[in-house]
Amino acid sequence: MNYERLRTFIAVVENKSFSEVAKIRFISQPTVTMQIKTLETELNTKLFERTTNRIQLTPSAKILIKYAKEIIRLAEVAQKEILQTSEDIQGTIKMSCSLTVGEHVLPLYLKQFQQAYPMIQLDVAIANSEQIVTQIRNHQLDLGLIETPIEDAAIKSEPFLQDELFVVAPPNYFGEGVEEITLDQFRASPIIFREKGSGTRKVAEKQLEKRGVLREDLNVMMELGSTETVKTTIQAGLGISILSKYSILKEEQLHLLQSYRIKDVPIKRDFYMIHHEEQILKSTTEVFMKRIRSGASPVEEKSLFIV
């Protein structure tokens, strides 16, 4: 049985949609249909009952899905063992990172990693945490680096770095020498939030809700889809925000922005590595994860947090 057809079959079973699988696998819907029909012809059976609104598995499909996943797993194990026979670990890692991690945390690790493993090529995309979880669930990535904890039986999650979020404003916005503000001061200020689905926004809203502050209680002026856009908007004097300390290191050093803690409202979180629970990790992915776990970074944490 053809490897790619089995992957398409598994995706259809998990998503119950030919059109959705076409998007996930970056192929046309007729190609998905053709691959399934070819598989049905090869096995001399019908795999799906197709109706206008949904797809149902036939008894044959319920049998095949167990073996299809095992075939894919064994193929990945074989590929991994073959690669391990090489003296130098080589290959690719396809990953996606949330904005804060991808733009401000991952670069801290890359120089040492590439010096240690020059034959490993990183293919990194930036997306928000919700999008990355969906990509992992659909087997589109080897690894995801995100900003929020998740509860999903299909996904394995592991914290790798602690972060703290701060109120970010123009210098001396709350007065000269002020390092901490009250919750009332924050609530009364014009606020710029990241877009819905952002890990940073989720963490901030969760901690505020614990203190009885809901989004409708805040003076939210706008929602923006990029941390860099949020920072530029703050510098223009249009409001304040809550951002990761990692994301404003340069701006604080240049005195373009200033960070404040909210009194009695600590906003801390972990960054997480995630991958599919059933996925056999490639050797390249394993060495990257090991490097991240070790904390090996060209910048020491004490130099990252300027408080």
C-alpha atoms as a PDB file:
ATOM      1  CA  MET A   1       0.000   0.000   0.000  1.00  0.00           C
ATOM      2  CA  ASN A   2       1.217   3.451  -0.929  1.00  0.00           C
ATOM      3  CA  TYR A   3       2.602   5.476   1.989  1.00  0.00           C
ATOM      4  CA  GLU A   4       1.073   8.809   0.910  1.00  0.00           C
ATOM      5  CA  ARG A   5      -2.338   7.256   0.285  1.00  0.00           C
ATOM      6  CA  LEU A   6      -2.313   5.838   3.795  1.00  0.00           C
ATOM      7  CA  ARG A   7      -1.440   9.248   5.212  1.00  0.00           C
ATOM      8  CA  THR A   8      -4.340  10.784   3.290  1.00  0.00           C
ATOM      9  CA  PHE A   9      -6.649   8.019   4.506  1.00  0.00           C
ATOM     10  CA  ILE A  10      -5.645   8.630   8.145  1.00  0.00           C
ATOM     11  CA  ALA A  11      -6.206  12.368   7.713  1.00  0.00           C
ATOM     12  CA  VAL A  12      -9.702  11.790   6.272  1.00  0.00           C
ATOM     13  CA  VAL A  13     -10.577   9.497   9.186  1.00  0.00           C
ATOM     14  CA  GLU A  14      -9.403  12.094  11.714  1.00  0.00           C
ATOM     15  CA  ASN A  15     -10.971  15.139  10.030  1.00  0.00           C
ATOM     16  CA  LYS A  16     -14.106  13.586   8.470  1.00  0.00           C
ATOM     17  CA  SER A  17     -13.716  15.928   5.499  1.00  0.00           C
ATOM     18  CA  PHE A  18     -12.082  15.582   2.079  1.00  0.00           C
ATOM     19  CA  SER A  19     -11.874  19.366   1.629  1.00  0.00           C
ATOM     20  CA  GLU A  20     -10.237  19.871   5.029  1.00  0.00           C
ATOM     21  CA  VAL A  21      -7.649  17.169   4.282  1.00  0.00           C
ATOM     22  CA  ALA A  22      -6.852  18.879   0.980  1.00  0.00           C
ATOM     23  CA  LYS A  23      -5.997  22.063   2.903  1.00  0.00           C
ATOM     24  CA  ILE A  24      -3.984  20.225   5.543  1.00  0.00           C
ATOM     25  CA  ARG A  25      -1.933  18.185   3.068  1.00  0.00           C
ATOM     26  CA  PHE A  26      -1.587  21.022   0.534  1.00  0.00           C
ATOM     27  CA  ILE A  27      -3.116  19.007  -2.299  1.00  0.00           C
ATOM     28  CA  SER A  28      -6.296  19.452  -4.333  1.00  0.00           C
ATOM     29  CA  GLN A  29      -9.593  17.903  -3.269  1.00  0.00           C
ATOM     30  CA  PRO A  30      -9.742  15.791  -6.471  1.00  0.00           C
ATOM     31  CA  THR A  31      -6.322  14.392  -5.524  1.00  0.00           C
ATOM     32  CA  VAL A  32      -7.642  13.393  -2.091  1.00  0.00           C
ATOM     33  CA  THR A  33     -10.641  11.724  -3.737  1.00  0.00           C
ATOM     34  CA  MET A  34      -8.412   9.921  -6.234  1.00  0.00           C
ATOM     35  CA  GLN A  35      -6.067   8.636  -3.533  1.00  0.00           C
ATOM     36  CA  ILE A  36      -8.959   7.236  -1.496  1.00  0.00           C
ATOM     37  CA  LYS A  37     -10.564   5.657  -4.565  1.00  0.00           C
ATOM     38  CA  THR A  38      -7.245   4.079  -5.547  1.00  0.00           C
ATOM     39  CA  LEU A  39      -6.894   2.668  -2.040  1.00  0.00           C
ATOM     40  CA  GLU A  40     -10.463   1.306  -2.177  1.00  0.00           C
ATOM     41  CA  THR A  41      -9.734  -0.328  -5.539  1.00  0.00           C
ATOM     42  CA  GLU A  42      -6.508  -1.834  -4.244  1.00  0.00           C
ATOM     43  CA  LEU A  43      -8.291  -3.307  -1.206  1.00  0.00           C
ATOM     44  CA  ASN A  44     -11.467  -4.143  -3.129  1.00  0.00           C
ATOM     45  CA  THR A  45     -13.640  -2.484  -0.494  1.00  0.00           C
ATOM     46  CA  LYS A  46     -15.446   0.748   0.326  1.00  0.00           C
ATOM     47  CA  LEU A  47     -13.826   2.857   3.043  1.00  0.00           C
ATOM     48  CA  PHE A  48     -16.256   5.765   3.458  1.00  0.00           C
ATOM     49  CA  GLU A  49     -19.959   6.388   3.162  1.00  0.00           C
ATOM     50  CA  ARG A  50     -20.256   9.864   1.687  1.00  0.00           C
ATOM     51  CA  THR A  51     -23.286  12.060   2.327  1.00  0.00           C
ATOM     52  CA  THR A  52     -23.881  15.742   1.627  1.00  0.00           C
ATOM     53  CA  ASN A  53     -22.908  16.881   5.100  1.00  0.00           C
ATOM     54  CA  ARG A  54     -20.506  14.282   6.496  1.00  0.00           C
ATOM     55  CA  ILE A  55     -18.361  11.196   6.010  1.00  0.00           C
ATOM     56  CA  GLN A  56     -18.877   7.938   7.864  1.00  0.00           C
ATOM     57  CA  LEU A  57     -16.363   5.122   8.229  1.00  0.00           C
ATOM     58  CA  THR A  58     -17.283   1.707   6.874  1.00  0.00           C
ATOM     59  CA  PRO A  59     -16.343  -1.445   8.849  1.00  0.00           C
ATOM     60  CA  SER A  60     -13.410  -1.864   6.438  1.00  0.00           C
ATOM     61  CA  ALA A  61     -12.125   1.614   7.282  1.00  0.00           C
ATOM     62  CA  LYS A  62     -12.323   0.886  11.003  1.00  0.00           C
ATOM     63  CA  ILE A  63     -10.083  -2.149  10.453  1.00  0.00           C
ATOM     64  CA  LEU A  64      -7.676  -0.374   8.115  1.00  0.00           C
ATOM     65  CA  ILE A  65      -7.107   2.665  10.362  1.00  0.00           C
ATOM     66  CA  LYS A  66      -5.427   0.504  13.029  1.00  0.00           C
ATOM     67  CA  TYR A  67      -3.001  -1.030  10.531  1.00  0.00           C
ATOM     68  CA  ALA A  68      -2.456   2.192   8.588  1.00  0.00           C
ATOM     69  CA  LYS A  69      -1.217   3.974  11.713  1.00  0.00           C
ATOM     70  CA  GLU A  70       1.072   1.047  12.540  1.00  0.00           C
ATOM     71  CA  ILE A  71       2.491   1.000   9.001  1.00  0.00           C
ATOM     72  CA  ILE A  72       3.262   4.715   9.206  1.00  0.00           C
ATOM     73  CA  ARG A  73       4.796   4.259  12.666  1.00  0.00           C
ATOM     74  CA  LEU A  74       7.055   1.414  11.505  1.00  0.00           C
ATOM     75  CA  ALA A  75       8.145   3.402   8.445  1.00  0.00           C
ATOM     76  CA  GLU A  76       9.124   6.318  10.692  1.00  0.00           C
ATOM     77  CA  VAL A  77      11.024   3.995  13.044  1.00  0.00           C
ATOM     78  CA  ALA A  78      12.944   2.494  10.106  1.00  0.00           C
ATOM     79  CA  GLN A  79      13.813   5.945   8.744  1.00  0.00           C
ATOM     80  CA  LYS A  80      14.999   7.064  12.172  1.00  0.00           C
ATOM     81  CA  GLU A  81      17.243   4.025  12.689  1.00  0.00           C
ATOM     82  CA  ILE A  82      18.767   4.391   9.228  1.00  0.00           C
ATOM     83  CA  LEU A  83      19.606   8.051   9.895  1.00  0.00           C
ATOM     84  CA  GLN A  84      21.208   7.091  13.207  1.00  0.00           C
ATOM     85  CA  THR A  85      23.781   4.956  11.375  1.00  0.00           C
ATOM     86  CA  SER A  86      25.342   8.161  10.063  1.00  0.00           C
ATOM     87  CA  GLU A  87      28.197   9.619  12.102  1.00  0.00           C
ATOM     88  CA  ASP A  88      26.707  13.089  11.806  1.00  0.00           C
ATOM     89  CA  ILE A  89      23.031  13.630  12.564  1.00  0.00           C
ATOM     90  CA  GLN A  90      21.490  15.240   9.535  1.00  0.00           C
ATOM     91  CA  GLY A  91      18.077  16.058   8.189  1.00  0.00           C
ATOM     92  CA  THR A  92      15.361  18.619   8.791  1.00  0.00           C
ATOM     93  CA  ILE A  93      13.083  19.747  11.587  1.00  0.00           C
ATOM     94  CA  LYS A  94       9.771  21.244  10.545  1.00  0.00           C
ATOM     95  CA  MET A  95       8.481  23.350  13.405  1.00  0.00           C
ATOM     96  CA  SER A  96       6.206  26.255  14.104  1.00  0.00           C
ATOM     97  CA  CYS A  97       6.577  28.740  16.940  1.00  0.00           C
ATOM     98  CA  SER A  98       4.206  31.217  18.507  1.00  0.00           C
ATOM     99  CA  LEU A  99       5.160  34.835  17.895  1.00  0.00           C
ATOM    100  CA  THR A 100       6.909  35.554  21.187  1.00  0.00           C
ATOM    101  CA  VAL A 101       8.860  32.287  21.150  1.00  0.00           C
ATOM    102  CA  GLY A 102       9.750  32.444  17.462  1.00  0.00           C
ATOM    103  CA  GLU A 103      10.779  36.074  17.343  1.00  0.00           C
ATOM    104  CA  HIS A 104      12.395  36.558  20.744  1.00  0.00           C
ATOM    105  CA  VAL A 105      13.245  33.218  22.425  1.00  0.00           C
ATOM    106  CA  LEU A 106      14.212  30.710  19.715  1.00  0.00           C
ATOM    107  CA  PRO A 107      16.991  32.942  18.307  1.00  0.00           C
ATOM    108  CA  LEU A 108      18.739  32.737  21.700  1.00  0.00           C
ATOM    109  CA  TYR A 109      19.297  28.999  21.105  1.00  0.00           C
ATOM    110  CA  LEU A 110      20.024  28.883  17.400  1.00  0.00           C
ATOM    111  CA  LYS A 111      23.708  29.841  17.186  1.00  0.00           C
ATOM    112  CA  GLN A 112      24.932  27.154  19.589  1.00  0.00           C
ATOM    113  CA  PHE A 113      22.575  24.564  18.131  1.00  0.00           C
ATOM    114  CA  GLN A 114      23.713  25.126  14.563  1.00  0.00           C
ATOM    115  CA  GLN A 115      27.356  25.066  15.644  1.00  0.00           C
ATOM    116  CA  ALA A 116      26.765  21.704  17.345  1.00  0.00           C
ATOM    117  CA  TYR A 117      24.622  20.230  14.531  1.00  0.00           C
ATOM    118  CA  PRO A 118      25.552  21.932  11.247  1.00  0.00           C
ATOM    119  CA  MET A 119      23.890  19.193   9.156  1.00  0.00           C
ATOM    120  CA  ILE A 120      20.435  19.812  10.632  1.00  0.00           C
ATOM    121  CA  GLN A 121      18.242  22.232   8.719  1.00  0.00           C
ATOM    122  CA  LEU A 122      15.485  24.061  10.590  1.00  0.00           C
ATOM    123  CA  ASP A 123      12.270  24.913   8.758  1.00  0.00           C
ATOM    124  CA  VAL A 124      10.555  27.376  11.114  1.00  0.00           C
ATOM    125  CA  ALA A 125       7.218  29.120  10.657  1.00  0.00           C
ATOM    126  CA  ILE A 126       5.477  31.630  12.932  1.00  0.00           C
ATOM    127  CA  ALA A 127       1.826  31.207  13.948  1.00  0.00           C
ATOM    128  CA  ASN A 128      -0.321  31.695  17.020  1.00  0.00           C
ATOM    129  CA  SER A 129      -0.642  28.930  19.601  1.00  0.00           C
ATOM    130  CA  GLU A 130      -4.078  27.726  18.459  1.00  0.00           C
ATOM    131  CA  GLN A 131      -2.915  27.355  14.865  1.00  0.00           C
ATOM    132  CA  ILE A 132       0.169  25.386  15.946  1.00  0.00           C
ATOM    133  CA  VAL A 133      -1.897  22.974  18.047  1.00  0.00           C
ATOM    134  CA  THR A 134      -4.085  22.319  14.990  1.00  0.00           C
ATOM    135  CA  GLN A 135      -1.010  21.716  12.820  1.00  0.00           C
ATOM    136  CA  ILE A 136       0.439  19.273  15.347  1.00  0.00           C
ATOM    137  CA  ARG A 137      -2.886  17.452  15.633  1.00  0.00           C
ATOM    138  CA  ASN A 138      -2.939  17.086  11.831  1.00  0.00           C
ATOM    139  CA  HIS A 139       0.653  15.756  11.634  1.00  0.00           C
ATOM    140  CA  GLN A 140       1.898  18.804   9.727  1.00  0.00           C
ATOM    141  CA  LEU A 141       4.843  19.514  12.041  1.00  0.00           C
ATOM    142  CA  ASP A 142       7.637  17.685  13.834  1.00  0.00           C
ATOM    143  CA  LEU A 143       7.524  20.108  16.751  1.00  0.00           C
ATOM    144  CA  GLY A 144       5.715  23.172  18.036  1.00  0.00           C
ATOM    145  CA  LEU A 145       6.902  25.790  20.523  1.00  0.00           C
ATOM    146  CA  ILE A 146       3.969  27.587  22.139  1.00  0.00           C
ATOM    147  CA  GLU A 147       3.092  29.931  24.995  1.00  0.00           C
ATOM    148  CA  THR A 148       0.131  28.234  26.663  1.00  0.00           C
ATOM    149  CA  PRO A 149      -0.574  24.867  28.323  1.00  0.00           C
ATOM    150  CA  ILE A 150      -2.948  22.611  26.440  1.00  0.00           C
ATOM    151  CA  GLU A 151      -5.089  19.632  27.341  1.00  0.00           C
ATOM    152  CA  ASP A 152      -5.350  17.351  24.328  1.00  0.00           C
ATOM    153  CA  ALA A 153      -4.970  13.579  24.451  1.00  0.00           C
ATOM    154  CA  ALA A 154      -3.442  13.605  20.957  1.00  0.00           C
ATOM    155  CA  ILE A 155      -0.642  15.998  21.904  1.00  0.00           C
ATOM    156  CA  LYS A 156       2.324  15.609  24.236  1.00  0.00           C
ATOM    157  CA  SER A 157       3.386  18.821  25.957  1.00  0.00           C
ATOM    158  CA  GLU A 158       6.549  19.656  27.912  1.00  0.00           C
ATOM    159  CA  PRO A 159       7.517  22.980  29.559  1.00  0.00           C
ATOM    160  CA  PHE A 160      11.006  24.217  28.684  1.00  0.00           C
ATOM    161  CA  LEU A 161      11.307  27.827  29.875  1.00  0.00           C
ATOM    162  CA  GLN A 162       9.526  30.143  32.308  1.00  0.00           C
ATOM    163  CA  ASP A 163       8.432  33.585  31.211  1.00  0.00           C
ATOM    164  CA  GLU A 164       6.879  36.583  32.950  1.00  0.00           C
ATOM    165  CA  LEU A 165       4.474  39.078  31.399  1.00  0.00           C
ATOM    166  CA  PHE A 166       4.600  42.779  32.220  1.00  0.00           C
ATOM    167  CA  VAL A 167       2.537  45.841  31.502  1.00  0.00           C
ATOM    168  CA  VAL A 168       4.408  47.687  28.729  1.00  0.00           C
ATOM    169  CA  ALA A 169       4.092  51.430  28.192  1.00  0.00           C
ATOM    170  CA  PRO A 170       6.121  54.421  27.020  1.00  0.00           C
ATOM    171  CA  PRO A 171       8.860  55.478  29.504  1.00  0.00           C
ATOM    172  CA  ASN A 172       7.527  57.236  32.637  1.00  0.00           C
ATOM    173  CA  TYR A 173       3.929  56.652  31.477  1.00  0.00           C
ATOM    174  CA  PHE A 174       2.846  56.132  35.090  1.00  0.00           C
ATOM    175  CA  GLY A 175       5.330  58.625  36.554  1.00  0.00           C
ATOM    176  CA  GLU A 176       9.076  58.864  36.954  1.00  0.00           C
ATOM    177  CA  GLY A 177      10.662  56.091  39.016  1.00  0.00           C
ATOM    178  CA  VAL A 178       7.469  53.967  39.092  1.00  0.00           C
ATOM    179  CA  GLU A 179       8.065  50.225  38.681  1.00  0.00           C
ATOM    180  CA  GLU A 180       4.721  48.861  39.874  1.00  0.00           C
ATOM    181  CA  ILE A 181       1.156  49.952  39.170  1.00  0.00           C
ATOM    182  CA  THR A 182      -2.238  49.088  40.640  1.00  0.00           C
ATOM    183  CA  LEU A 183      -4.890  47.028  38.938  1.00  0.00           C
ATOM    184  CA  ASP A 184      -7.123  50.128  38.856  1.00  0.00           C
ATOM    185  CA  GLN A 185      -4.420  52.060  36.993  1.00  0.00           C
ATOM    186  CA  PHE A 186      -4.187  49.302  34.412  1.00  0.00           C
ATOM    187  CA  ARG A 187      -7.953  49.018  34.048  1.00  0.00           C
ATOM    188  CA  ALA A 188      -8.293  52.774  33.450  1.00  0.00           C
ATOM    189  CA  SER A 189      -5.622  52.901  30.734  1.00  0.00           C
ATOM    190  CA  PRO A 190      -6.184  52.475  26.982  1.00  0.00           C
ATOM    191  CA  ILE A 191      -5.180  48.885  26.262  1.00  0.00           C
ATOM    192  CA  ILE A 192      -3.849  47.220  23.120  1.00  0.00           C
ATOM    193  CA  PHE A 193      -4.314  43.443  23.052  1.00  0.00           C
ATOM    194  CA  ARG A 194      -2.896  40.760  20.807  1.00  0.00           C
ATOM    195  CA  GLU A 195      -5.382  38.930  18.582  1.00  0.00           C
ATOM    196  CA  LYS A 196      -7.705  36.168  19.737  1.00  0.00           C
ATOM    197  CA  GLY A 197      -5.780  32.878  19.826  1.00  0.00           C
ATOM    198  CA  SER A 198      -2.567  34.524  21.024  1.00  0.00           C
ATOM    199  CA  GLY A 199      -0.914  32.684  23.909  1.00  0.00           C
ATOM    200  CA  THR A 200       0.172  35.962  25.503  1.00  0.00           C
ATOM    201  CA  ARG A 201      -3.389  37.258  25.494  1.00  0.00           C
ATOM    202  CA  LYS A 202      -4.803  34.011  26.921  1.00  0.00           C
ATOM    203  CA  VAL A 203      -2.403  34.042  29.863  1.00  0.00           C
ATOM    204  CA  ALA A 204      -3.024  37.729  30.608  1.00  0.00           C
ATOM    205  CA  GLU A 205      -6.815  37.374  30.467  1.00  0.00           C
ATOM    206  CA  LYS A 206      -6.735  34.268  32.667  1.00  0.00           C
ATOM    207  CA  GLN A 207      -4.732  35.999  35.400  1.00  0.00           C
ATOM    208  CA  LEU A 208      -6.902  39.116  35.258  1.00  0.00           C
ATOM    209  CA  GLU A 209     -10.072  37.010  35.484  1.00  0.00           C
ATOM    210  CA  LYS A 210      -8.726  35.428  38.686  1.00  0.00           C
ATOM    211  CA  ARG A 211      -8.784  38.980  40.142  1.00  0.00           C
ATOM    212  CA  GLY A 212     -12.333  39.538  38.916  1.00  0.00           C
ATOM    213  CA  VAL A 213     -11.356  41.635  35.899  1.00  0.00           C
ATOM    214  CA  LEU A 214     -13.051  40.589  32.657  1.00  0.00           C
ATOM    215  CA  ARG A 215     -12.280  41.818  29.163  1.00  0.00           C
ATOM    216  CA  GLU A 216     -15.435  43.962  29.127  1.00  0.00           C
ATOM    217  CA  ASP A 217     -14.124  45.745  32.246  1.00  0.00           C
ATOM    218  CA  LEU A 218     -11.064  46.943  30.319  1.00  0.00           C
ATOM    219  CA  ASN A 219     -10.619  49.922  28.042  1.00  0.00           C
ATOM    220  CA  VAL A 220      -9.492  47.876  25.001  1.00  0.00           C
ATOM    221  CA  MET A 221      -8.718  50.240  22.134  1.00  0.00           C
ATOM    222  CA  MET A 222      -7.575  47.699  19.532  1.00  0.00           C
ATOM    223  CA  GLU A 223      -6.436  44.122  18.885  1.00  0.00           C
ATOM    224  CA  LEU A 224      -3.346  43.534  16.748  1.00  0.00           C
ATOM    225  CA  GLY A 225      -1.906  40.348  15.229  1.00  0.00           C
ATOM    226  CA  SER A 226       1.773  41.008  15.846  1.00  0.00           C
ATOM    227  CA  THR A 227       3.884  41.791  18.903  1.00  0.00           C
ATOM    228  CA  GLU A 228       6.025  44.130  16.813  1.00  0.00           C
ATOM    229  CA  THR A 229       2.924  46.078  15.750  1.00  0.00           C
ATOM    230  CA  VAL A 230       1.764  46.270  19.365  1.00  0.00           C
ATOM    231  CA  LYS A 231       5.146  47.686  20.431  1.00  0.00           C
ATOM    232  CA  THR A 232       5.162  50.264  17.639  1.00  0.00           C
ATOM    233  CA  THR A 233       1.632  51.327  18.577  1.00  0.00           C
ATOM    234  CA  ILE A 234       2.648  51.731  22.224  1.00  0.00           C
ATOM    235  CA  GLN A 235       5.645  53.852  21.209  1.00  0.00           C
ATOM    236  CA  ALA A 236       3.251  56.056  19.234  1.00  0.00           C
ATOM    237  CA  GLY A 237       1.433  56.786  22.506  1.00  0.00           C
ATOM    238  CA  LEU A 238      -1.821  55.023  21.624  1.00  0.00           C
ATOM    239  CA  GLY A 239      -2.013  52.808  24.687  1.00  0.00           C
ATOM    240  CA  ILE A 240      -0.371  50.141  26.837  1.00  0.00           C
ATOM    241  CA  SER A 241      -0.277  46.361  26.652  1.00  0.00           C
ATOM    242  CA  ILE A 242       0.797  43.175  28.424  1.00  0.00           C
ATOM    243  CA  LEU A 243       3.769  41.476  26.766  1.00  0.00           C
ATOM    244  CA  SER A 244       6.533  39.011  27.495  1.00  0.00           C
ATOM    245  CA  LYS A 245       9.679  40.470  29.001  1.00  0.00           C
ATOM    246  CA  TYR A 246      11.613  38.631  26.279  1.00  0.00           C
ATOM    247  CA  SER A 247       9.851  40.660  23.591  1.00  0.00           C
ATOM    248  CA  ILE A 248      10.945  44.108  24.823  1.00  0.00           C
ATOM    249  CA  LEU A 249      14.601  43.571  25.756  1.00  0.00           C
ATOM    250  CA  LYS A 250      15.943  45.797  22.995  1.00  0.00           C
ATOM    251  CA  GLU A 251      13.317  48.518  23.491  1.00  0.00           C
ATOM    252  CA  GLU A 252      14.024  48.733  27.231  1.00  0.00           C
ATOM    253  CA  GLN A 253      17.755  48.940  26.648  1.00  0.00           C
ATOM    254  CA  LEU A 254      17.149  51.801  24.214  1.00  0.00           C
ATOM    255  CA  HIS A 255      14.648  53.436  26.629  1.00  0.00           C
ATOM    256  CA  LEU A 256      11.863  53.237  24.057  1.00  0.00           C
ATOM    257  CA  LEU A 257       9.531  51.244  26.301  1.00  0.00           C
ATOM    258  CA  GLN A 258       9.207  50.541  30.010  1.00  0.00           C
ATOM    259  CA  SER A 259       7.832  47.514  31.835  1.00  0.00           C
ATOM    260  CA  TYR A 260       5.713  47.532  34.989  1.00  0.00           C
ATOM    261  CA  ARG A 261       4.414  44.828  37.266  1.00  0.00           C
ATOM    262  CA  ILE A 262       0.801  44.989  38.445  1.00  0.00           C
ATOM    263  CA  LYS A 263       0.719  44.957  42.248  1.00  0.00           C
ATOM    264  CA  ASP A 264      -0.377  41.558  43.607  1.00  0.00           C
ATOM    265  CA  VAL A 265      -1.026  40.243  40.080  1.00  0.00           C
ATOM    266  CA  PRO A 266       1.979  38.122  39.030  1.00  0.00           C
ATOM    267  CA  ILE A 267       1.592  37.014  35.420  1.00  0.00           C
ATOM    268  CA  LYS A 268       3.926  34.087  34.840  1.00  0.00           C
ATOM    269  CA  ARG A 269       3.786  31.199  32.430  1.00  0.00           C
ATOM    270  CA  ASP A 270       5.844  28.445  30.860  1.00  0.00           C
ATOM    271  CA  PHE A 271       6.761  28.007  27.226  1.00  0.00           C
ATOM    272  CA  TYR A 272       6.020  24.502  25.914  1.00  0.00           C
ATOM    273  CA  MET A 273       7.399  22.077  23.359  1.00  0.00           C
ATOM    274  CA  ILE A 274       4.600  20.017  21.801  1.00  0.00           C
ATOM    275  CA  HIS A 275       4.398  17.107  19.365  1.00  0.00           C
ATOM    276  CA  HIS A 276       1.847  14.486  18.395  1.00  0.00           C
ATOM    277  CA  GLU A 277       1.487  11.723  20.986  1.00  0.00           C
ATOM    278  CA  GLU A 278       1.574   8.972  18.341  1.00  0.00           C
ATOM    279  CA  GLN A 279       4.413  10.451  16.308  1.00  0.00           C
ATOM    280  CA  ILE A 280       7.832   8.779  16.235  1.00  0.00           C
ATOM    281  CA  LEU A 281      10.239  11.630  16.840  1.00  0.00           C
ATOM    282  CA  LYS A 282      12.987  12.006  14.259  1.00  0.00           C
ATOM    283  CA  SER A 283      16.583  11.967  15.500  1.00  0.00           C
ATOM    284  CA  THR A 284      16.891  15.603  14.478  1.00  0.00           C
ATOM    285  CA  THR A 285      13.870  16.540  16.582  1.00  0.00           C
ATOM    286  CA  GLU A 286      15.159  14.590  19.578  1.00  0.00           C
ATOM    287  CA  VAL A 287      18.554  16.318  19.607  1.00  0.00           C
ATOM    288  CA  PHE A 288      16.874  19.716  19.281  1.00  0.00           C
ATOM    289  CA  MET A 289      14.560  18.969  22.201  1.00  0.00           C
ATOM    290  CA  LYS A 290      17.501  17.709  24.276  1.00  0.00           C
ATOM    291  CA  ARG A 291      19.380  20.937  23.559  1.00  0.00           C
ATOM    292  CA  ILE A 292      16.384  23.033  24.597  1.00  0.00           C
ATOM    293  CA  ARG A 293      15.933  20.997  27.803  1.00  0.00           C
ATOM    294  CA  SER A 294      19.554  21.594  28.745  1.00  0.00           C
ATOM    295  CA  GLY A 295      18.935  25.329  28.714  1.00  0.00           C
ATOM    296  CA  ALA A 296      21.901  25.728  26.383  1.00  0.00           C
ATOM    297  CA  SER A 297      21.597  29.306  25.203  1.00  0.00           C
ATOM    298  CA  PRO A 298      24.133  31.996  24.262  1.00  0.00           C
ATOM    299  CA  VAL A 299      22.398  34.401  26.636  1.00  0.00           C
ATOM    300  CA  GLU A 300      22.159  33.834  30.365  1.00  0.00           C
ATOM    301  CA  GLU A 301      18.752  34.388  31.950  1.00  0.00           C
ATOM    302  CA  LYS A 302      20.046  37.116  34.271  1.00  0.00           C
ATOM    303  CA  SER A 303      20.941  39.217  31.242  1.00  0.00           C
ATOM    304  CA  LEU A 304      17.528  38.693  29.657  1.00  0.00           C
ATOM    305  CA  PHE A 305      15.449  40.202  32.453  1.00  0.00           C
ATOM    306  CA  ILE A 306      16.182  43.849  33.075  1.00  0.00           C
ATOM    307  CA  VAL A 307      14.121  44.780  36.110  1.00  0.00           C
END
